[in-house]
Amino acid sequence: MSDLESLSVLKGVVAAIRFYDDGTLAEAAGQLGQVDTQLAAELCYANGRIMHHGSDVLMTLSSTQGWPPKGWMMLGDELSICAVAEVACFVRNREISFNEVFRSLTALSQK
């Protein structure tokens, strides 16, 4: 079982992706089609870049180091996206343990 597959079998995880630093898809596991996985990789890459830009502004305004985000979450009514570095997963809110997902994402992002 691949690392992403181990994440995708967690209760509530719909799909997991790993993407490159240019937004292209590296690998995917779970219930997304091939076209959807590439779009998901582009979305997650872009959102990560926006988070980093925001953290740069916060660091400048606060004169405090340590703002670069390690991850982010986009919360929807029923589905959400959780990401750390270049690994992300799509989850069903009512079924997921967000703490468990972010522990797993953090571990996978360090490999």
PDB file of N, CA and C in Angstrom:
ATOM      1  N   MET A   1       0.844  -1.179   0.000  1.00  0.00           N
ATOM      2  CA  MET A   1       0.000   0.000   0.000  1.00  0.00           C
ATOM      3  C   MET A   1       0.891   1.244   0.000  1.00  0.00           C
ATOM      4  N   SER A   2       0.599   2.179  -0.913  1.00  0.00           N
ATOM      5  CA  SER A   2       1.388   3.406  -0.972  1.00  0.00           C
ATOM      6  C   SER A   2       1.029   4.317   0.198  1.00  0.00           C
ATOM      7  N   ASP A   3       1.866   5.319   0.424  1.00  0.00           N
ATOM      8  CA  ASP A   3       1.606   6.274   1.497  1.00  0.00           C
ATOM      9  C   ASP A   3       0.264   6.971   1.317  1.00  0.00           C
ATOM     10  N   LEU A   4      -0.032   7.386   0.089  1.00  0.00           N
ATOM     11  CA  LEU A   4      -1.307   8.061  -0.165  1.00  0.00           C
ATOM     12  C   LEU A   4      -2.484   7.121   0.031  1.00  0.00           C
ATOM     13  N   GLU A   5      -2.324   5.869  -0.347  1.00  0.00           N
ATOM     14  CA  GLU A   5      -3.408   4.907  -0.132  1.00  0.00           C
ATOM     15  C   GLU A   5      -3.684   4.719   1.348  1.00  0.00           C
ATOM     16  N   SER A   6      -2.634   4.746   2.185  1.00  0.00           N
ATOM     17  CA  SER A   6      -2.850   4.612   3.625  1.00  0.00           C
ATOM     18  C   SER A   6      -3.625   5.816   4.164  1.00  0.00           C
ATOM     19  N   LEU A   7      -3.424   6.986   3.578  1.00  0.00           N
ATOM     20  CA  LEU A   7      -4.192   8.163   3.967  1.00  0.00           C
ATOM     21  C   LEU A   7      -5.624   8.065   3.448  1.00  0.00           C
ATOM     22  N   SER A   8      -5.782   7.580   2.221  1.00  0.00           N
ATOM     23  CA  SER A   8      -7.108   7.547   1.603  1.00  0.00           C
ATOM     24  C   SER A   8      -8.044   6.531   2.257  1.00  0.00           C
ATOM     25  N   VAL A   9      -7.517   5.604   3.032  1.00  0.00           N
ATOM     26  CA  VAL A   9      -8.398   4.632   3.700  1.00  0.00           C
ATOM     27  C   VAL A   9      -8.829   5.085   5.091  1.00  0.00           C
ATOM     28  N   LEU A  10      -8.345   6.241   5.554  1.00  0.00           N
ATOM     29  CA  LEU A  10      -8.830   6.762   6.831  1.00  0.00           C
ATOM     30  C   LEU A  10     -10.319   7.075   6.712  1.00  0.00           C
ATOM     31  N   LYS A  11     -11.057   6.818   7.763  1.00  0.00           N
ATOM     32  CA  LYS A  11     -12.501   7.069   7.744  1.00  0.00           C
ATOM     33  C   LYS A  11     -12.769   8.540   7.415  1.00  0.00           C
ATOM     34  N   GLY A  12     -13.569   8.766   6.372  1.00  0.00           N
ATOM     35  CA  GLY A  12     -13.952  10.105   5.967  1.00  0.00           C
ATOM     36  C   GLY A  12     -13.118  10.700   4.854  1.00  0.00           C
ATOM     37  N   VAL A  13     -11.979  10.097   4.529  1.00  0.00           N
ATOM     38  CA  VAL A  13     -11.141  10.624   3.442  1.00  0.00           C
ATOM     39  C   VAL A  13     -11.692  10.123   2.114  1.00  0.00           C
ATOM     40  N   VAL A  14     -11.976  11.036   1.210  1.00  0.00           N
ATOM     41  CA  VAL A  14     -12.498  10.707  -0.115  1.00  0.00           C
ATOM     42  C   VAL A  14     -11.351  10.409  -1.073  1.00  0.00           C
ATOM     43  N   ALA A  15     -10.322  11.266  -1.052  1.00  0.00           N
ATOM     44  CA  ALA A  15      -9.180  11.111  -1.952  1.00  0.00           C
ATOM     45  C   ALA A  15      -7.983  11.845  -1.383  1.00  0.00           C
ATOM     46  N   ALA A  16      -6.809  11.433  -1.818  1.00  0.00           N
ATOM     47  CA  ALA A  16      -5.562  12.084  -1.409  1.00  0.00           C
ATOM     48  C   ALA A  16      -4.707  12.305  -2.641  1.00  0.00           C
ATOM     49  N   ILE A  17      -3.967  13.413  -2.640  1.00  0.00           N
ATOM     50  CA  ILE A  17      -3.082  13.723  -3.759  1.00  0.00           C
ATOM     51  C   ILE A  17      -1.738  14.220  -3.242  1.00  0.00           C
ATOM     52  N   ARG A  18      -0.731  14.033  -4.068  1.00  0.00           N
ATOM     53  CA  ARG A  18       0.581  14.654  -3.861  1.00  0.00           C
ATOM     54  C   ARG A  18       0.875  15.395  -5.164  1.00  0.00           C
ATOM     55  N   PHE A  19       1.351  16.625  -5.052  1.00  0.00           N
ATOM     56  CA  PHE A  19       1.603  17.421  -6.246  1.00  0.00           C
ATOM     57  C   PHE A  19       2.991  18.033  -6.174  1.00  0.00           C
ATOM     58  N   TYR A  20       3.512  18.407  -7.333  1.00  0.00           N
ATOM     59  CA  TYR A  20       4.822  19.033  -7.429  1.00  0.00           C
ATOM     60  C   TYR A  20       4.709  20.521  -7.148  1.00  0.00           C
ATOM     61  N   ASP A  21       5.854  21.161  -6.988  1.00  0.00           N
ATOM     62  CA  ASP A  21       5.899  22.581  -6.646  1.00  0.00           C
ATOM     63  C   ASP A  21       5.491  23.490  -7.800  1.00  0.00           C
ATOM     64  N   ASP A  22       5.071  22.934  -8.905  1.00  0.00           N
ATOM     65  CA  ASP A  22       4.529  23.746  -9.995  1.00  0.00           C
ATOM     66  C   ASP A  22       3.037  23.482 -10.201  1.00  0.00           C
ATOM     67  N   GLY A  23       2.448  22.669  -9.321  1.00  0.00           N
ATOM     68  CA  GLY A  23       1.016  22.389  -9.386  1.00  0.00           C
ATOM     69  C   GLY A  23       0.633  21.176 -10.199  1.00  0.00           C
ATOM     70  N   THR A  24       1.595  20.479 -10.787  1.00  0.00           N
ATOM     71  CA  THR A  24       1.243  19.266 -11.527  1.00  0.00           C
ATOM     72  C   THR A  24       1.097  18.095 -10.558  1.00  0.00           C
ATOM     73  N   LEU A  25       0.259  17.176 -10.938  1.00  0.00           N
ATOM     74  CA  LEU A  25      -0.048  16.022 -10.106  1.00  0.00           C
ATOM     75  C   LEU A  25       1.121  15.042 -10.082  1.00  0.00           C
ATOM     76  N   ALA A  26       1.521  14.603  -8.892  1.00  0.00           N
ATOM     77  CA  ALA A  26       2.566  13.583  -8.748  1.00  0.00           C
ATOM     78  C   ALA A  26       1.934  12.207  -8.592  1.00  0.00           C
ATOM     79  N   GLU A  27       0.913  12.102  -7.726  1.00  0.00           N
ATOM     80  CA  GLU A  27       0.208  10.837  -7.539  1.00  0.00           C
ATOM     81  C   GLU A  27      -1.127  11.106  -6.863  1.00  0.00           C
ATOM     82  N   ALA A  28      -2.014  10.121  -6.960  1.00  0.00           N
ATOM     83  CA  ALA A  28      -3.339  10.262  -6.363  1.00  0.00           C
ATOM     84  C   ALA A  28      -3.843   8.899  -5.898  1.00  0.00           C
ATOM     85  N   ALA A  29      -4.720   8.941  -4.905  1.00  0.00           N
ATOM     86  CA  ALA A  29      -5.371   7.734  -4.413  1.00  0.00           C
ATOM     87  C   ALA A  29      -6.774   8.117  -3.964  1.00  0.00           C
ATOM     88  N   GLY A  30      -7.698   7.208  -4.113  1.00  0.00           N
ATOM     89  CA  GLY A  30      -9.058   7.478  -3.667  1.00  0.00           C
ATOM     90  C   GLY A  30     -10.030   7.630  -4.811  1.00  0.00           C
ATOM     91  N   GLN A  31     -11.081   8.408  -4.572  1.00  0.00           N
ATOM     92  CA  GLN A  31     -12.235   8.460  -5.458  1.00  0.00           C
ATOM     93  C   GLN A  31     -12.334   9.738  -6.282  1.00  0.00           C
ATOM     94  N   LEU A  32     -11.291  10.085  -6.996  1.00  0.00           N
ATOM     95  CA  LEU A  32     -11.326  11.205  -7.943  1.00  0.00           C
ATOM     96  C   LEU A  32     -10.891  10.688  -9.301  1.00  0.00           C
ATOM     97  N   GLY A  33     -11.480  11.217 -10.355  1.00  0.00           N
ATOM     98  CA  GLY A  33     -11.074  10.832 -11.702  1.00  0.00           C
ATOM     99  C   GLY A  33      -9.761  11.504 -12.080  1.00  0.00           C
ATOM    100  N   GLN A  34      -9.114  11.063 -13.145  1.00  0.00           N
ATOM    101  CA  GLN A  34      -7.818  11.608 -13.559  1.00  0.00           C
ATOM    102  C   GLN A  34      -7.879  13.106 -13.845  1.00  0.00           C
ATOM    103  N   VAL A  35      -8.910  13.558 -14.544  1.00  0.00           N
ATOM    104  CA  VAL A  35      -9.036  14.988 -14.829  1.00  0.00           C
ATOM    105  C   VAL A  35      -9.215  15.746 -13.523  1.00  0.00           C
ATOM    106  N   ASP A  36     -10.064  15.229 -12.632  1.00  0.00           N
ATOM    107  CA  ASP A  36     -10.310  15.890 -11.355  1.00  0.00           C
ATOM    108  C   ASP A  36      -9.055  15.949 -10.497  1.00  0.00           C
ATOM    109  N   THR A  37      -8.204  14.928 -10.538  1.00  0.00           N
ATOM    110  CA  THR A  37      -6.999  14.944  -9.718  1.00  0.00           C
ATOM    111  C   THR A  37      -6.031  16.041 -10.169  1.00  0.00           C
ATOM    112  N   GLN A  38      -5.902  16.273 -11.469  1.00  0.00           N
ATOM    113  CA  GLN A  38      -5.036  17.350 -11.945  1.00  0.00           C
ATOM    114  C   GLN A  38      -5.587  18.704 -11.525  1.00  0.00           C
ATOM    115  N   LEU A  39      -6.895  18.885 -11.644  1.00  0.00           N
ATOM    116  CA  LEU A  39      -7.511  20.139 -11.201  1.00  0.00           C
ATOM    117  C   LEU A  39      -7.338  20.318  -9.691  1.00  0.00           C
ATOM    118  N   ALA A  40      -7.468  19.227  -8.945  1.00  0.00           N
ATOM    119  CA  ALA A  40      -7.280  19.279  -7.496  1.00  0.00           C
ATOM    120  C   ALA A  40      -5.849  19.675  -7.154  1.00  0.00           C
ATOM    121  N   ALA A  41      -4.884  19.135  -7.884  1.00  0.00           N
ATOM    122  CA  ALA A  41      -3.482  19.483  -7.644  1.00  0.00           C
ATOM    123  C   ALA A  41      -3.242  20.971  -7.913  1.00  0.00           C
ATOM    124  N   GLU A  42      -3.810  21.483  -8.995  1.00  0.00           N
ATOM    125  CA  GLU A  42      -3.659  22.901  -9.316  1.00  0.00           C
ATOM    126  C   GLU A  42      -4.313  23.778  -8.255  1.00  0.00           C
ATOM    127  N   LEU A  43      -5.500  23.387  -7.797  1.00  0.00           N
ATOM    128  CA  LEU A  43      -6.211  24.124  -6.751  1.00  0.00           C
ATOM    129  C   LEU A  43      -5.403  24.156  -5.458  1.00  0.00           C
ATOM    130  N   CYS A  44      -4.896  23.003  -5.045  1.00  0.00           N
ATOM    131  CA  CYS A  44      -4.146  22.914  -3.787  1.00  0.00           C
ATOM    132  C   CYS A  44      -2.833  23.678  -3.869  1.00  0.00           C
ATOM    133  N   TYR A  45      -2.161  23.595  -4.997  1.00  0.00           N
ATOM    134  CA  TYR A  45      -0.923  24.361  -5.194  1.00  0.00           C
ATOM    135  C   TYR A  45      -1.217  25.860  -5.089  1.00  0.00           C
ATOM    136  N   ALA A  46      -2.237  26.322  -5.810  1.00  0.00           N
ATOM    137  CA  ALA A  46      -2.572  27.752  -5.813  1.00  0.00           C
ATOM    138  C   ALA A  46      -2.971  28.220  -4.413  1.00  0.00           C
ATOM    139  N   ASN A  47      -3.757  27.434  -3.720  1.00  0.00           N
ATOM    140  CA  ASN A  47      -4.176  27.812  -2.379  1.00  0.00           C
ATOM    141  C   ASN A  47      -2.981  27.882  -1.434  1.00  0.00           C
ATOM    142  N   GLY A  48      -2.057  26.950  -1.562  1.00  0.00           N
ATOM    143  CA  GLY A  48      -0.847  26.968  -0.748  1.00  0.00           C
ATOM    144  C   GLY A  48      -0.014  28.215  -0.999  1.00  0.00           C
ATOM    145  N   ARG A  49       0.097  28.612  -2.260  1.00  0.00           N
ATOM    146  CA  ARG A  49       0.850  29.831  -2.606  1.00  0.00           C
ATOM    147  C   ARG A  49       0.180  31.062  -2.001  1.00  0.00           C
ATOM    148  N   ILE A  50      -1.157  31.109  -2.052  1.00  0.00           N
ATOM    149  CA  ILE A  50      -1.892  32.232  -1.461  1.00  0.00           C
ATOM    150  C   ILE A  50      -1.646  32.278   0.052  1.00  0.00           C
ATOM    151  N   MET A  51      -1.659  31.127   0.704  1.00  0.00           N
ATOM    152  CA  MET A  51      -1.400  31.068   2.146  1.00  0.00           C
ATOM    153  C   MET A  51       0.009  31.574   2.460  1.00  0.00           C
ATOM    154  N   HIS A  52       0.981  31.190   1.659  1.00  0.00           N
ATOM    155  CA  HIS A  52       2.346  31.652   1.885  1.00  0.00           C
ATOM    156  C   HIS A  52       2.463  33.157   1.683  1.00  0.00           C
ATOM    157  N   HIS A  53       1.771  33.683   0.692  1.00  0.00           N
ATOM    158  CA  HIS A  53       1.786  35.128   0.471  1.00  0.00           C
ATOM    159  C   HIS A  53       1.186  35.841   1.681  1.00  0.00           C
ATOM    160  N   GLY A  54       0.051  35.356   2.155  1.00  0.00           N
ATOM    161  CA  GLY A  54      -0.581  35.940   3.344  1.00  0.00           C
ATOM    162  C   GLY A  54       0.319  35.877   4.564  1.00  0.00           C
ATOM    163  N   SER A  55       1.037  34.776   4.717  1.00  0.00           N
ATOM    164  CA  SER A  55       1.935  34.653   5.866  1.00  0.00           C
ATOM    165  C   SER A  55       3.098  35.625   5.750  1.00  0.00           C
ATOM    166  N   ASP A  56       3.574  35.898   4.540  1.00  0.00           N
ATOM    167  CA  ASP A  56       4.627  36.894   4.348  1.00  0.00           C
ATOM    168  C   ASP A  56       4.144  38.275   4.796  1.00  0.00           C
ATOM    169  N   VAL A  57       2.899  38.608   4.458  1.00  0.00           N
ATOM    170  CA  VAL A  57       2.327  39.892   4.869  1.00  0.00           C
ATOM    171  C   VAL A  57       2.206  39.946   6.386  1.00  0.00           C
ATOM    172  N   LEU A  58       1.704  38.883   7.000  1.00  0.00           N
ATOM    173  CA  LEU A  58       1.591  38.853   8.465  1.00  0.00           C
ATOM    174  C   LEU A  58       2.943  38.999   9.142  1.00  0.00           C
ATOM    175  N   MET A  59       3.969  38.356   8.590  1.00  0.00           N
ATOM    176  CA  MET A  59       5.304  38.453   9.162  1.00  0.00           C
ATOM    177  C   MET A  59       5.811  39.899   9.067  1.00  0.00           C
ATOM    178  N   THR A  60       5.558  40.543   7.958  1.00  0.00           N
ATOM    179  CA  THR A  60       5.982  41.933   7.787  1.00  0.00           C
ATOM    180  C   THR A  60       5.228  42.858   8.743  1.00  0.00           C
ATOM    181  N   LEU A  61       3.922  42.691   8.832  1.00  0.00           N
ATOM    182  CA  LEU A  61       3.112  43.560   9.694  1.00  0.00           C
ATOM    183  C   LEU A  61       3.407  43.369  11.175  1.00  0.00           C
ATOM    184  N   SER A  62       3.674  42.141  11.579  1.00  0.00           N
ATOM    185  CA  SER A  62       3.846  41.848  12.999  1.00  0.00           C
ATOM    186  C   SER A  62       5.301  41.903  13.457  1.00  0.00           C
ATOM    187  N   SER A  63       6.215  41.941  12.514  1.00  0.00           N
ATOM    188  CA  SER A  63       7.653  41.861  12.824  1.00  0.00           C
ATOM    189  C   SER A  63       7.983  40.600  13.615  1.00  0.00           C
ATOM    190  N   THR A  64       7.199  39.557  13.398  1.00  0.00           N
ATOM    191  CA  THR A  64       7.388  38.285  14.098  1.00  0.00           C
ATOM    192  C   THR A  64       7.743  37.210  13.078  1.00  0.00           C
ATOM    193  N   GLN A  65       8.811  36.487  13.341  1.00  0.00           N
ATOM    194  CA  GLN A  65       9.208  35.372  12.471  1.00  0.00           C
ATOM    195  C   GLN A  65       8.314  34.160  12.749  1.00  0.00           C
ATOM    196  N   GLY A  66       8.336  33.207  11.846  1.00  0.00           N
ATOM    197  CA  GLY A  66       7.642  31.949  12.071  1.00  0.00           C
ATOM    198  C   GLY A  66       6.248  31.846  11.492  1.00  0.00           C
ATOM    199  N   TRP A  67       5.877  32.759  10.608  1.00  0.00           N
ATOM    200  CA  TRP A  67       4.549  32.706  10.014  1.00  0.00           C
ATOM    201  C   TRP A  67       4.397  31.716   8.867  1.00  0.00           C
ATOM    202  N   PRO A  68       5.429  31.285   8.200  1.00  0.00           N
ATOM    203  CA  PRO A  68       5.152  30.409   7.054  1.00  0.00           C
ATOM    204  C   PRO A  68       4.257  29.235   7.459  1.00  0.00           C
ATOM    205  N   PRO A  69       3.130  29.090   6.802  1.00  0.00           N
ATOM    206  CA  PRO A  69       2.199  28.027   7.179  1.00  0.00           C
ATOM    207  C   PRO A  69       2.750  26.658   6.807  1.00  0.00           C
ATOM    208  N   LYS A  70       2.487  25.704   7.649  1.00  0.00           N
ATOM    209  CA  LYS A  70       2.863  24.321   7.351  1.00  0.00           C
ATOM    210  C   LYS A  70       1.739  23.634   6.593  1.00  0.00           C
ATOM    211  N   GLY A  71       0.544  24.135   6.770  1.00  0.00           N
ATOM    212  CA  GLY A  71      -0.603  23.539   6.105  1.00  0.00           C
ATOM    213  C   GLY A  71      -1.776  24.494   6.109  1.00  0.00           C
ATOM    214  N   TRP A  72      -2.868  24.055   5.498  1.00  0.00           N
ATOM    215  CA  TRP A  72      -4.062  24.868   5.431  1.00  0.00           C
ATOM    216  C   TRP A  72      -5.282  23.959   5.301  1.00  0.00           C
ATOM    217  N   MET A  73      -6.438  24.554   5.509  1.00  0.00           N
ATOM    218  CA  MET A  73      -7.692  23.807   5.404  1.00  0.00           C
ATOM    219  C   MET A  73      -8.739  24.719   4.782  1.00  0.00           C
ATOM    220  N   MET A  74      -9.516  24.170   3.870  1.00  0.00           N
ATOM    221  CA  MET A  74     -10.632  24.881   3.274  1.00  0.00           C
ATOM    222  C   MET A  74     -11.889  24.124   3.696  1.00  0.00           C
ATOM    223  N   LEU A  75     -12.687  24.735   4.565  1.00  0.00           N
ATOM    224  CA  LEU A  75     -13.843  24.066   5.160  1.00  0.00           C
ATOM    225  C   LEU A  75     -15.106  24.372   4.377  1.00  0.00           C
ATOM    226  N   GLY A  76     -15.754  23.322   3.881  1.00  0.00           N
ATOM    227  CA  GLY A  76     -17.031  23.459   3.210  1.00  0.00           C
ATOM    228  C   GLY A  76     -18.138  22.917   4.099  1.00  0.00           C
ATOM    229  N   ASP A  77     -19.367  22.993   3.640  1.00  0.00           N
ATOM    230  CA  ASP A  77     -20.487  22.503   4.434  1.00  0.00           C
ATOM    231  C   ASP A  77     -20.402  21.002   4.692  1.00  0.00           C
ATOM    232  N   GLU A  78     -20.094  20.245   3.666  1.00  0.00           N
ATOM    233  CA  GLU A  78     -20.032  18.785   3.800  1.00  0.00           C
ATOM    234  C   GLU A  78     -18.645  18.222   3.522  1.00  0.00           C
ATOM    235  N   LEU A  79     -17.939  18.833   2.579  1.00  0.00           N
ATOM    236  CA  LEU A  79     -16.603  18.382   2.205  1.00  0.00           C
ATOM    237  C   LEU A  79     -15.590  19.476   2.490  1.00  0.00           C
ATOM    238  N   SER A  80     -14.374  19.063   2.833  1.00  0.00           N
ATOM    239  CA  SER A  80     -13.293  20.006   3.084  1.00  0.00           C
ATOM    240  C   SER A  80     -12.012  19.501   2.439  1.00  0.00           C
ATOM    241  N   ILE A  81     -11.052  20.397   2.303  1.00  0.00           N
ATOM    242  CA  ILE A  81      -9.724  20.044   1.809  1.00  0.00           C
ATOM    243  C   ILE A  81      -8.732  20.353   2.926  1.00  0.00           C
ATOM    244  N   CYS A  82      -7.851  19.404   3.204  1.00  0.00           N
ATOM    245  CA  CYS A  82      -6.791  19.579   4.192  1.00  0.00           C
ATOM    246  C   CYS A  82      -5.463  19.361   3.469  1.00  0.00           C
ATOM    247  N   ALA A  83      -4.486  20.230   3.737  1.00  0.00           N
ATOM    248  CA  ALA A  83      -3.203  20.109   3.038  1.00  0.00           C
ATOM    249  C   ALA A  83      -2.040  20.471   3.953  1.00  0.00           C
ATOM    250  N   VAL A  84      -0.939  19.766   3.760  1.00  0.00           N
ATOM    251  CA  VAL A  84       0.333  20.088   4.396  1.00  0.00           C
ATOM    252  C   VAL A  84       1.395  19.912   3.312  1.00  0.00           C
ATOM    253  N   ALA A  85       2.160  20.978   3.076  1.00  0.00           N
ATOM    254  CA  ALA A  85       3.182  20.988   2.034  1.00  0.00           C
ATOM    255  C   ALA A  85       2.543  20.588   0.701  1.00  0.00           C
ATOM    256  N   GLU A  86       3.043  19.548   0.041  1.00  0.00           N
ATOM    257  CA  GLU A  86       2.518  19.140  -1.272  1.00  0.00           C
ATOM    258  C   GLU A  86       1.646  17.894  -1.188  1.00  0.00           C
ATOM    259  N   VAL A  87       1.012  17.670  -0.038  1.00  0.00           N
ATOM    260  CA  VAL A  87       0.096  16.541   0.139  1.00  0.00           C
ATOM    261  C   VAL A  87      -1.240  17.095   0.613  1.00  0.00           C
ATOM    262  N   ALA A  88      -2.317  16.639  -0.006  1.00  0.00           N
ATOM    263  CA  ALA A  88      -3.646  17.127   0.364  1.00  0.00           C
ATOM    264  C   ALA A  88      -4.649  15.985   0.320  1.00  0.00           C
ATOM    265  N   CYS A  89      -5.743  16.159   1.061  1.00  0.00           N
ATOM    266  CA  CYS A  89      -6.820  15.183   0.968  1.00  0.00           C
ATOM    267  C   CYS A  89      -8.167  15.888   1.050  1.00  0.00           C
ATOM    268  N   PHE A  90      -9.145  15.250   0.464  1.00  0.00           N
ATOM    269  CA  PHE A  90     -10.516  15.724   0.444  1.00  0.00           C
ATOM    270  C   PHE A  90     -11.291  14.839   1.410  1.00  0.00           C
ATOM    271  N   VAL A  91     -12.055  15.465   2.320  1.00  0.00           N
ATOM    272  CA  VAL A  91     -12.668  14.711   3.415  1.00  0.00           C
ATOM    273  C   VAL A  91     -14.141  15.050   3.572  1.00  0.00           C
ATOM    274  N   ARG A  92     -14.888  14.089   4.127  1.00  0.00           N
ATOM    275  CA  ARG A  92     -16.289  14.306   4.519  1.00  0.00           C
ATOM    276  C   ARG A  92     -16.283  14.764   5.973  1.00  0.00           C
ATOM    277  N   ASN A  93     -16.745  15.971   6.219  1.00  0.00           N
ATOM    278  CA  ASN A  93     -16.661  16.581   7.548  1.00  0.00           C
ATOM    279  C   ASN A  93     -17.282  15.739   8.650  1.00  0.00           C
ATOM    280  N   ARG A  94     -18.432  15.164   8.408  1.00  0.00           N
ATOM    281  CA  ARG A  94     -19.154  14.456   9.470  1.00  0.00           C
ATOM    282  C   ARG A  94     -18.485  13.143   9.873  1.00  0.00           C
ATOM    283  N   GLU A  95     -17.538  12.659   9.055  1.00  0.00           N
ATOM    284  CA  GLU A  95     -16.916  11.367   9.316  1.00  0.00           C
ATOM    285  C   GLU A  95     -15.463  11.458   9.763  1.00  0.00           C
ATOM    286  N   ILE A  96     -14.859  12.614   9.639  1.00  0.00           N
ATOM    287  CA  ILE A  96     -13.405  12.707   9.759  1.00  0.00           C
ATOM    288  C   ILE A  96     -12.943  13.162  11.139  1.00  0.00           C
ATOM    289  N   SER A  97     -11.778  12.715  11.530  1.00  0.00           N
ATOM    290  CA  SER A  97     -11.054  13.289  12.669  1.00  0.00           C
ATOM    291  C   SER A  97      -9.983  14.196  12.061  1.00  0.00           C
ATOM    292  N   PHE A  98     -10.195  15.504  12.145  1.00  0.00           N
ATOM    293  CA  PHE A  98      -9.251  16.438  11.542  1.00  0.00           C
ATOM    294  C   PHE A  98      -7.867  16.323  12.180  1.00  0.00           C
ATOM    295  N   ASN A  99      -7.804  16.045  13.471  1.00  0.00           N
ATOM    296  CA  ASN A  99      -6.502  15.858  14.118  1.00  0.00           C
ATOM    297  C   ASN A  99      -5.762  14.676  13.514  1.00  0.00           C
ATOM    298  N   GLU A 100      -6.462  13.576  13.297  1.00  0.00           N
ATOM    299  CA  GLU A 100      -5.833  12.391  12.709  1.00  0.00           C
ATOM    300  C   GLU A 100      -5.359  12.677  11.283  1.00  0.00           C
ATOM    301  N   VAL A 101      -6.180  13.375  10.520  1.00  0.00           N
ATOM    302  CA  VAL A 101      -5.816  13.704   9.139  1.00  0.00           C
ATOM    303  C   VAL A 101      -4.570  14.584   9.101  1.00  0.00           C
ATOM    304  N   PHE A 102      -4.519  15.625   9.932  1.00  0.00           N
ATOM    305  CA  PHE A 102      -3.352  16.510   9.895  1.00  0.00           C
ATOM    306  C   PHE A 102      -2.098  15.828  10.438  1.00  0.00           C
ATOM    307  N   ARG A 103      -2.226  14.898  11.385  1.00  0.00           N
ATOM    308  CA  ARG A 103      -1.056  14.115  11.808  1.00  0.00           C
ATOM    309  C   ARG A 103      -0.540  13.291  10.640  1.00  0.00           C
ATOM    310  N   SER A 104      -1.453  12.637   9.925  1.00  0.00           N
ATOM    311  CA  SER A 104      -1.061  11.805   8.777  1.00  0.00           C
ATOM    312  C   SER A 104      -0.469  12.655   7.654  1.00  0.00           C
ATOM    313  N   LEU A 105      -1.084  13.791   7.358  1.00  0.00           N
ATOM    314  CA  LEU A 105      -0.570  14.673   6.310  1.00  0.00           C
ATOM    315  C   LEU A 105       0.834  15.178   6.663  1.00  0.00           C
ATOM    316  N   THR A 106       1.038  15.542   7.902  1.00  0.00           N
ATOM    317  CA  THR A 106       2.345  16.026   8.340  1.00  0.00           C
ATOM    318  C   THR A 106       3.400  14.933   8.172  1.00  0.00           C
ATOM    319  N   ALA A 107       3.064  13.720   8.569  1.00  0.00           N
ATOM    320  CA  ALA A 107       4.009  12.600   8.426  1.00  0.00           C
ATOM    321  C   ALA A 107       4.316  12.342   6.960  1.00  0.00           C
ATOM    322  N   LEU A 108       3.302  12.341   6.100  1.00  0.00           N
ATOM    323  CA  LEU A 108       3.518  12.087   4.671  1.00  0.00           C
ATOM    324  C   LEU A 108       4.306  13.212   3.999  1.00  0.00           C
ATOM    325  N   SER A 109       4.102  14.440   4.434  1.00  0.00           N
ATOM    326  CA  SER A 109       4.796  15.561   3.797  1.00  0.00           C
ATOM    327  C   SER A 109       6.283  15.564   4.116  1.00  0.00           C
ATOM    328  N   GLN A 110       6.702  14.833   5.128  1.00  0.00           N
ATOM    329  CA  GLN A 110       8.099  14.795   5.515  1.00  0.00           C
ATOM    330  C   GLN A 110       8.845  13.650   4.857  1.00  0.00           C
ATOM    331  N   LYS A 111       8.166  12.868   4.027  1.00  0.00           N
ATOM    332  CA  LYS A 111       8.810  11.736   3.342  1.00  0.00           C
ATOM    333  C   LYS A 111       9.341  12.159   2.008  1.00  0.00           C
TER     334      LYS A 111
END
